């Protein structure tokens, strides 16, 4: 990533645009991007992991800065994440 803070979404878009071939199909008013399927899957997995890491950092920051100090004992971040996003 660059010096500028990026969201996982911004990073993913930048990576797809830099690695894929893109062209505009004016007749159907769409931008088409061609990227290797395995490379796309890897980028997607990296972006999801980046987002998870950011969420975990926020979770622990909230607990340590006046959030419910007992919440981490009730439910760990990993449990929360799995319950919420891995249905």
N, C-alpha and C. Protein backbone atom coordinates (compact mmCIF):
# COMPACT_ATOMS: atom_id res chain seq x y z
N UNK A 1 0.84 -1.18 0.00
CA UNK A 1 0.00 0.00 0.00
C UNK A 1 0.87 1.24 0.00
N UNK A 2 0.30 2.30 -0.46
CA UNK A 2 1.03 3.58 -0.48
C UNK A 2 1.02 4.20 0.91
N UNK A 3 1.64 5.38 1.02
CA UNK A 3 1.66 6.10 2.29
C UNK A 3 0.26 6.54 2.70
N UNK A 4 -0.60 6.84 1.74
CA UNK A 4 -1.97 7.25 2.02
C UNK A 4 -2.73 6.05 2.57
N UNK A 5 -3.52 6.29 3.61
CA UNK A 5 -4.34 5.21 4.17
C UNK A 5 -5.39 4.82 3.14
N UNK A 6 -5.55 3.54 2.93
CA UNK A 6 -6.54 3.03 1.99
C UNK A 6 -7.46 2.05 2.71
N UNK A 7 -8.69 2.02 2.27
CA UNK A 7 -9.57 0.98 2.75
C UNK A 7 -9.24 -0.30 1.96
N UNK A 8 -9.74 -1.42 2.43
CA UNK A 8 -9.54 -2.67 1.71
C UNK A 8 -10.19 -2.60 0.33
N UNK A 9 -11.31 -1.91 0.23
CA UNK A 9 -12.00 -1.76 -1.05
C UNK A 9 -11.16 -0.93 -2.02
N UNK A 10 -10.62 0.19 -1.55
CA UNK A 10 -9.77 1.02 -2.40
C UNK A 10 -8.55 0.24 -2.87
N UNK A 11 -7.94 -0.52 -1.96
CA UNK A 11 -6.77 -1.32 -2.31
C UNK A 11 -7.13 -2.35 -3.37
N UNK A 12 -8.27 -3.05 -3.18
CA UNK A 12 -8.69 -4.08 -4.14
C UNK A 12 -8.93 -3.49 -5.52
N UNK A 13 -9.61 -2.36 -5.58
CA UNK A 13 -9.87 -1.72 -6.88
C UNK A 13 -8.56 -1.34 -7.55
N UNK A 14 -7.65 -0.75 -6.80
CA UNK A 14 -6.35 -0.35 -7.34
C UNK A 14 -5.59 -1.57 -7.88
N UNK A 15 -5.59 -2.66 -7.12
CA UNK A 15 -4.87 -3.86 -7.55
C UNK A 15 -5.50 -4.49 -8.79
N UNK A 16 -6.82 -4.57 -8.83
CA UNK A 16 -7.49 -5.15 -10.00
C UNK A 16 -7.21 -4.30 -11.23
N UNK A 17 -7.31 -2.98 -11.08
CA UNK A 17 -7.06 -2.10 -12.21
C UNK A 17 -5.62 -2.15 -12.68
N UNK A 18 -4.66 -2.35 -11.76
CA UNK A 18 -3.26 -2.37 -12.16
C UNK A 18 -2.85 -3.73 -12.76
N UNK A 19 -3.53 -4.80 -12.37
CA UNK A 19 -3.15 -6.14 -12.83
C UNK A 19 -4.00 -6.62 -14.01
N UNK A 20 -5.17 -6.08 -14.16
CA UNK A 20 -6.07 -6.54 -15.21
C UNK A 20 -6.06 -5.63 -16.41
N UNK A 21 -6.50 -6.18 -17.53
CA UNK A 21 -6.70 -5.37 -18.73
C UNK A 21 -8.13 -4.87 -18.69
N UNK A 22 -8.30 -3.56 -18.86
CA UNK A 22 -9.64 -2.98 -18.79
C UNK A 22 -9.94 -2.25 -20.10
N UNK A 23 -11.18 -2.33 -20.52
CA UNK A 23 -11.60 -1.60 -21.70
C UNK A 23 -13.08 -1.27 -21.57
N UNK A 24 -13.46 -0.21 -22.25
CA UNK A 24 -14.86 0.20 -22.22
C UNK A 24 -15.57 -0.39 -23.42
N UNK A 25 -16.69 -1.01 -23.17
CA UNK A 25 -17.54 -1.53 -24.22
C UNK A 25 -18.71 -0.55 -24.34
N UNK A 26 -18.56 0.43 -25.22
CA UNK A 26 -19.53 1.51 -25.32
C UNK A 26 -20.91 1.02 -25.74
N UNK A 27 -20.98 -0.04 -26.52
CA UNK A 27 -22.28 -0.52 -27.00
C UNK A 27 -23.16 -1.05 -25.86
N UNK A 28 -22.55 -1.55 -24.79
CA UNK A 28 -23.34 -2.04 -23.65
C UNK A 28 -23.12 -1.19 -22.40
N UNK A 29 -22.38 -0.09 -22.58
CA UNK A 29 -22.12 0.88 -21.50
C UNK A 29 -21.54 0.21 -20.26
N UNK A 30 -20.49 -0.59 -20.47
CA UNK A 30 -19.85 -1.29 -19.36
C UNK A 30 -18.34 -1.22 -19.51
N UNK A 31 -17.69 -1.23 -18.36
CA UNK A 31 -16.24 -1.39 -18.32
C UNK A 31 -15.99 -2.87 -18.08
N UNK A 32 -15.15 -3.45 -18.88
CA UNK A 32 -14.83 -4.86 -18.72
C UNK A 32 -13.38 -4.99 -18.29
N UNK A 33 -13.14 -5.86 -17.33
CA UNK A 33 -11.79 -6.09 -16.81
C UNK A 33 -11.49 -7.57 -16.93
N UNK A 34 -10.34 -7.86 -17.49
CA UNK A 34 -9.91 -9.25 -17.63
C UNK A 34 -8.72 -9.47 -16.70
N UNK A 35 -8.86 -10.42 -15.77
CA UNK A 35 -7.80 -10.74 -14.83
C UNK A 35 -7.81 -12.25 -14.61
N UNK A 36 -6.64 -12.83 -14.40
CA UNK A 36 -6.52 -14.26 -14.14
C UNK A 36 -7.38 -14.62 -12.92
N UNK A 37 -8.15 -15.70 -13.03
CA UNK A 37 -9.08 -16.08 -11.96
C UNK A 37 -8.37 -16.37 -10.65
N UNK A 38 -7.23 -17.03 -10.69
CA UNK A 38 -6.52 -17.33 -9.44
C UNK A 38 -5.94 -16.06 -8.83
N UNK A 39 -5.49 -15.13 -9.66
CA UNK A 39 -4.99 -13.85 -9.13
C UNK A 39 -6.12 -13.05 -8.51
N UNK A 40 -7.29 -13.06 -9.13
CA UNK A 40 -8.45 -12.37 -8.58
C UNK A 40 -8.84 -12.98 -7.24
N UNK A 41 -8.86 -14.31 -7.15
CA UNK A 41 -9.22 -14.97 -5.90
C UNK A 41 -8.24 -14.59 -4.79
N UNK A 42 -6.95 -14.52 -5.11
CA UNK A 42 -5.94 -14.14 -4.12
C UNK A 42 -6.13 -12.69 -3.67
N UNK A 43 -6.39 -11.78 -4.60
CA UNK A 43 -6.62 -10.38 -4.25
C UNK A 43 -7.85 -10.25 -3.35
N UNK A 44 -8.91 -10.97 -3.69
CA UNK A 44 -10.13 -10.93 -2.90
C UNK A 44 -9.87 -11.44 -1.49
N UNK A 45 -9.13 -12.52 -1.36
CA UNK A 45 -8.81 -13.07 -0.04
C UNK A 45 -7.97 -12.09 0.77
N UNK A 46 -7.01 -11.44 0.11
CA UNK A 46 -6.17 -10.45 0.80
C UNK A 46 -7.01 -9.27 1.29
N UNK A 47 -7.94 -8.79 0.46
CA UNK A 47 -8.79 -7.66 0.84
C UNK A 47 -9.67 -8.04 2.03
N UNK A 48 -10.21 -9.25 2.03
CA UNK A 48 -11.04 -9.70 3.16
C UNK A 48 -10.21 -9.77 4.43
N UNK A 49 -8.99 -10.26 4.34
CA UNK A 49 -8.12 -10.35 5.51
C UNK A 49 -7.75 -8.96 6.02
N UNK A 50 -7.50 -8.02 5.10
CA UNK A 50 -7.21 -6.64 5.50
C UNK A 50 -8.38 -6.05 6.27
N UNK A 51 -9.59 -6.28 5.78
CA UNK A 51 -10.78 -5.74 6.43
C UNK A 51 -10.97 -6.38 7.81
N UNK A 52 -10.76 -7.69 7.89
CA UNK A 52 -10.88 -8.39 9.17
C UNK A 52 -9.88 -7.84 10.18
N UNK A 53 -8.63 -7.63 9.75
CA UNK A 53 -7.60 -7.09 10.64
C UNK A 53 -7.99 -5.71 11.16
N UNK A 54 -8.53 -4.88 10.26
CA UNK A 54 -8.95 -3.54 10.65
C UNK A 54 -10.09 -3.61 11.68
N UNK A 55 -11.04 -4.50 11.44
CA UNK A 55 -12.15 -4.66 12.37
C UNK A 55 -11.65 -5.15 13.73
N UNK A 56 -10.70 -6.07 13.73
CA UNK A 56 -10.17 -6.59 14.98
C UNK A 56 -9.45 -5.50 15.76
N UNK A 57 -8.67 -4.67 15.06
CA UNK A 57 -7.99 -3.56 15.73
C UNK A 57 -8.99 -2.59 16.36
N UNK A 58 -10.07 -2.29 15.64
CA UNK A 58 -11.11 -1.41 16.18
C UNK A 58 -11.80 -2.05 17.38
N UNK A 59 -12.04 -3.35 17.32
CA UNK A 59 -12.67 -4.09 18.42
C UNK A 59 -11.85 -3.92 19.70
N UNK A 60 -10.55 -4.19 19.60
CA UNK A 60 -9.69 -4.12 20.78
C UNK A 60 -9.49 -2.67 21.25
N UNK A 61 -9.44 -1.74 20.31
CA UNK A 61 -9.30 -0.33 20.69
C UNK A 61 -10.53 0.14 21.46
N UNK A 62 -11.70 -0.27 21.01
CA UNK A 62 -12.93 0.13 21.71
C UNK A 62 -12.98 -0.43 23.12
N UNK A 63 -12.55 -1.67 23.27
CA UNK A 63 -12.56 -2.30 24.59
C UNK A 63 -11.56 -1.60 25.52
N UNK A 64 -10.38 -1.29 25.00
CA UNK A 64 -9.35 -0.72 25.86
C UNK A 64 -9.53 0.79 26.10
N UNK A 65 -10.40 1.45 25.35
CA UNK A 65 -10.61 2.89 25.52
C UNK A 65 -12.01 3.20 26.01
N UNK A 66 -12.45 2.48 27.01
CA UNK A 66 -13.73 2.83 27.63
C UNK A 66 -14.92 2.05 27.17
N UNK A 67 -14.74 1.15 26.20
CA UNK A 67 -15.86 0.30 25.81
C UNK A 67 -16.12 -0.69 26.93
N UNK A 68 -17.02 -1.57 26.74
CA UNK A 68 -17.33 -2.56 27.77
C UNK A 68 -16.12 -3.46 27.99
N UNK A 69 -15.47 -3.30 29.10
CA UNK A 69 -14.26 -4.05 29.38
C UNK A 69 -14.53 -5.54 29.55
N UNK A 70 -15.77 -5.89 29.86
CA UNK A 70 -16.08 -7.31 30.07
C UNK A 70 -16.47 -7.99 28.76
N UNK A 71 -16.72 -7.25 27.69
CA UNK A 71 -17.24 -7.85 26.47
C UNK A 71 -16.27 -8.85 25.86
N UNK A 72 -14.98 -8.55 25.94
CA UNK A 72 -14.00 -9.47 25.37
C UNK A 72 -14.01 -10.80 26.12
N UNK A 73 -14.44 -10.80 27.38
CA UNK A 73 -14.55 -12.05 28.12
C UNK A 73 -15.80 -12.82 27.70
N UNK A 74 -16.84 -12.12 27.31
CA UNK A 74 -18.09 -12.75 26.88
C UNK A 74 -17.93 -13.32 25.47
N UNK A 75 -17.35 -12.53 24.56
CA UNK A 75 -17.20 -12.96 23.17
C UNK A 75 -15.89 -12.40 22.63
N UNK A 76 -15.05 -13.25 22.14
CA UNK A 76 -13.80 -12.79 21.52
C UNK A 76 -14.11 -12.22 20.14
N UNK A 77 -13.19 -11.46 19.62
CA UNK A 77 -13.39 -10.92 18.28
C UNK A 77 -13.56 -12.05 17.28
N UNK A 78 -12.75 -13.08 17.37
CA UNK A 78 -12.82 -14.20 16.42
C UNK A 78 -14.22 -14.84 16.44
N UNK A 79 -14.79 -15.01 17.63
CA UNK A 79 -16.14 -15.56 17.75
C UNK A 79 -17.15 -14.63 17.10
N UNK A 80 -17.06 -13.32 17.42
CA UNK A 80 -17.96 -12.34 16.82
C UNK A 80 -17.86 -12.37 15.30
N UNK A 81 -16.64 -12.36 14.77
CA UNK A 81 -16.42 -12.32 13.32
C UNK A 81 -17.01 -13.56 12.66
N UNK A 82 -16.73 -14.72 13.23
CA UNK A 82 -17.24 -15.95 12.65
C UNK A 82 -18.76 -16.02 12.71
N UNK A 83 -19.35 -15.58 13.82
CA UNK A 83 -20.80 -15.56 13.95
C UNK A 83 -21.45 -14.59 12.97
N UNK A 84 -20.79 -13.46 12.73
CA UNK A 84 -21.35 -12.41 11.90
C UNK A 84 -21.10 -12.62 10.41
N UNK A 85 -19.91 -13.05 10.03
CA UNK A 85 -19.52 -13.07 8.61
C UNK A 85 -19.32 -14.45 8.01
N UNK A 86 -19.26 -15.47 8.80
CA UNK A 86 -19.05 -16.82 8.25
C UNK A 86 -20.26 -17.70 8.46
N UNK A 87 -21.40 -17.18 8.11
CA UNK A 87 -22.67 -17.90 8.31
C UNK A 87 -22.77 -19.11 7.39
